[in-house]
Amino acid sequence: MLKWALIFLVISIVAGALGFSGIAQGAATIARVLFGLFLILFILFLILILTGINVFS
């Protein structure tokens, strides 16, 4: 998920540099949403691991 967020961030930067503001804004929004989802899932799994709950078995 983080990989896709970074890909959309790069697309946004390139599109913004080339003057495609609509595409850049859309790609930036997608990157922001994916990064937010990644961050929420990362924190959730970190809390579960620190409390001793094994979610991967």
N, C-alpha and C. Protein backbone atom coordinates (compact mmCIF):
# COMPACT_ATOMS: atom_id res chain seq x y z
N MET A 1 0.82 -1.19 0.00
CA MET A 1 0.00 0.00 0.00
C MET A 1 0.87 1.26 0.00
N LEU A 2 1.94 1.20 0.77
CA LEU A 2 2.85 2.34 0.81
C LEU A 2 3.51 2.54 -0.56
N LYS A 3 3.78 1.42 -1.24
CA LYS A 3 4.37 1.49 -2.58
C LYS A 3 3.45 2.24 -3.54
N TRP A 4 2.16 1.94 -3.50
CA TRP A 4 1.22 2.60 -4.37
C TRP A 4 1.07 4.08 -4.02
N ALA A 5 1.12 4.41 -2.73
CA ALA A 5 1.05 5.80 -2.33
C ALA A 5 2.24 6.58 -2.88
N LEU A 6 3.42 5.97 -2.83
CA LEU A 6 4.61 6.64 -3.36
C LEU A 6 4.54 6.77 -4.88
N ILE A 7 3.99 5.77 -5.56
CA ILE A 7 3.84 5.85 -7.02
C ILE A 7 2.91 6.99 -7.39
N PHE A 8 1.77 7.12 -6.70
CA PHE A 8 0.84 8.21 -6.99
C PHE A 8 1.44 9.56 -6.63
N LEU A 9 2.30 9.61 -5.61
CA LEU A 9 2.97 10.86 -5.26
C LEU A 9 3.91 11.29 -6.38
N VAL A 10 4.66 10.35 -6.94
CA VAL A 10 5.56 10.66 -8.05
C VAL A 10 4.76 11.10 -9.27
N ILE A 11 3.66 10.41 -9.55
CA ILE A 11 2.79 10.81 -10.68
C ILE A 11 2.28 12.23 -10.47
N SER A 12 1.90 12.54 -9.25
CA SER A 12 1.40 13.87 -8.94
C SER A 12 2.48 14.94 -9.15
N ILE A 13 3.68 14.66 -8.71
CA ILE A 13 4.77 15.63 -8.87
C ILE A 13 5.10 15.85 -10.35
N VAL A 14 5.17 14.76 -11.10
CA VAL A 14 5.48 14.87 -12.54
C VAL A 14 4.37 15.60 -13.27
N ALA A 15 3.12 15.25 -12.98
CA ALA A 15 1.99 15.91 -13.65
C ALA A 15 1.94 17.39 -13.28
N GLY A 16 2.23 17.72 -12.04
CA GLY A 16 2.25 19.12 -11.63
C GLY A 16 3.35 19.90 -12.31
N ALA A 17 4.51 19.27 -12.47
CA ALA A 17 5.63 19.93 -13.14
C ALA A 17 5.34 20.17 -14.62
N LEU A 18 4.55 19.28 -15.22
CA LEU A 18 4.22 19.43 -16.63
C LEU A 18 2.99 20.30 -16.87
N GLY A 19 2.34 20.74 -15.80
CA GLY A 19 1.21 21.65 -15.94
C GLY A 19 -0.16 20.99 -15.95
N PHE A 20 -0.23 19.72 -15.70
CA PHE A 20 -1.52 19.03 -15.64
C PHE A 20 -2.05 19.09 -14.20
N SER A 21 -2.64 20.23 -13.85
CA SER A 21 -3.01 20.45 -12.45
C SER A 21 -4.14 19.53 -11.99
N GLY A 22 -5.09 19.21 -12.85
CA GLY A 22 -6.20 18.33 -12.47
C GLY A 22 -5.72 16.92 -12.16
N ILE A 23 -4.87 16.40 -13.02
CA ILE A 23 -4.32 15.06 -12.81
C ILE A 23 -3.43 15.05 -11.57
N ALA A 24 -2.65 16.11 -11.39
CA ALA A 24 -1.77 16.19 -10.22
C ALA A 24 -2.58 16.22 -8.93
N GLN A 25 -3.67 16.97 -8.93
CA GLN A 25 -4.50 17.05 -7.73
C GLN A 25 -5.16 15.70 -7.42
N GLY A 26 -5.65 15.03 -8.46
CA GLY A 26 -6.26 13.71 -8.26
C GLY A 26 -5.27 12.69 -7.75
N ALA A 27 -4.08 12.66 -8.33
CA ALA A 27 -3.06 11.72 -7.90
C ALA A 27 -2.61 12.02 -6.47
N ALA A 28 -2.52 13.30 -6.12
CA ALA A 28 -2.12 13.67 -4.76
C ALA A 28 -3.18 13.24 -3.75
N THR A 29 -4.45 13.36 -4.12
CA THR A 29 -5.53 12.93 -3.23
C THR A 29 -5.48 11.42 -3.01
N ILE A 30 -5.28 10.68 -4.09
CA ILE A 30 -5.18 9.22 -3.97
C ILE A 30 -3.98 8.83 -3.11
N ALA A 31 -2.84 9.50 -3.32
CA ALA A 31 -1.65 9.21 -2.52
C ALA A 31 -1.89 9.51 -1.04
N ARG A 32 -2.59 10.61 -0.77
CA ARG A 32 -2.88 10.98 0.63
C ARG A 32 -3.79 9.95 1.29
N VAL A 33 -4.80 9.48 0.58
CA VAL A 33 -5.73 8.49 1.14
C VAL A 33 -5.01 7.16 1.38
N LEU A 34 -4.21 6.71 0.42
CA LEU A 34 -3.48 5.45 0.58
C LEU A 34 -2.48 5.53 1.72
N PHE A 35 -1.80 6.67 1.85
CA PHE A 35 -0.85 6.81 2.95
C PHE A 35 -1.58 6.83 4.30
N GLY A 36 -2.73 7.47 4.36
CA GLY A 36 -3.52 7.48 5.59
C GLY A 36 -3.96 6.08 5.97
N LEU A 37 -4.42 5.30 5.00
CA LEU A 37 -4.81 3.92 5.26
C LEU A 37 -3.63 3.10 5.74
N PHE A 38 -2.47 3.27 5.09
CA PHE A 38 -1.27 2.56 5.51
C PHE A 38 -0.90 2.91 6.94
N LEU A 39 -0.97 4.19 7.28
CA LEU A 39 -0.61 4.63 8.62
C LEU A 39 -1.55 4.06 9.67
N ILE A 40 -2.85 4.04 9.38
CA ILE A 40 -3.83 3.49 10.32
C ILE A 40 -3.60 2.00 10.53
N LEU A 41 -3.38 1.26 9.45
CA LEU A 41 -3.14 -0.18 9.56
C LEU A 41 -1.82 -0.47 10.27
N PHE A 42 -0.80 0.33 10.01
CA PHE A 42 0.48 0.15 10.68
C PHE A 42 0.35 0.34 12.18
N ILE A 43 -0.33 1.39 12.59
CA ILE A 43 -0.51 1.66 14.02
C ILE A 43 -1.36 0.56 14.66
N LEU A 44 -2.40 0.10 13.98
CA LEU A 44 -3.24 -0.96 14.50
C LEU A 44 -2.45 -2.24 14.73
N PHE A 45 -1.66 -2.65 13.73
CA PHE A 45 -0.86 -3.87 13.88
C PHE A 45 0.23 -3.69 14.93
N LEU A 46 0.80 -2.51 15.03
CA LEU A 46 1.81 -2.25 16.05
C LEU A 46 1.23 -2.40 17.45
N ILE A 47 0.02 -1.87 17.65
CA ILE A 47 -0.65 -2.00 18.95
C ILE A 47 -0.97 -3.46 19.24
N LEU A 48 -1.45 -4.19 18.24
CA LEU A 48 -1.77 -5.60 18.44
C LEU A 48 -0.53 -6.42 18.78
N ILE A 49 0.58 -6.12 18.12
CA ILE A 49 1.82 -6.85 18.38
C ILE A 49 2.34 -6.52 19.77
N LEU A 50 2.28 -5.25 20.16
CA LEU A 50 2.79 -4.86 21.47
C LEU A 50 1.94 -5.40 22.62
N THR A 51 0.66 -5.65 22.37
CA THR A 51 -0.20 -6.21 23.42
C THR A 51 -0.11 -7.74 23.45
N GLY A 52 0.58 -8.34 22.49
CA GLY A 52 0.78 -9.78 22.51
C GLY A 52 -0.25 -10.57 21.72
N ILE A 53 -1.09 -9.90 20.99
CA ILE A 53 -2.09 -10.60 20.18
C ILE A 53 -1.43 -11.00 18.86
N ASN A 54 -1.44 -12.29 18.56
CA ASN A 54 -0.79 -12.79 17.35
C ASN A 54 -1.85 -12.85 16.24
N VAL A 55 -1.76 -11.95 15.26
CA VAL A 55 -2.75 -11.90 14.19
C VAL A 55 -2.30 -12.66 12.96
N PHE A 56 -1.07 -13.16 12.97
CA PHE A 56 -0.54 -13.80 11.78
C PHE A 56 -0.48 -15.32 11.88
N SER A 57 -1.13 -15.88 12.88
CA SER A 57 -1.07 -17.35 13.00
C SER A 57 -2.38 -17.99 12.59
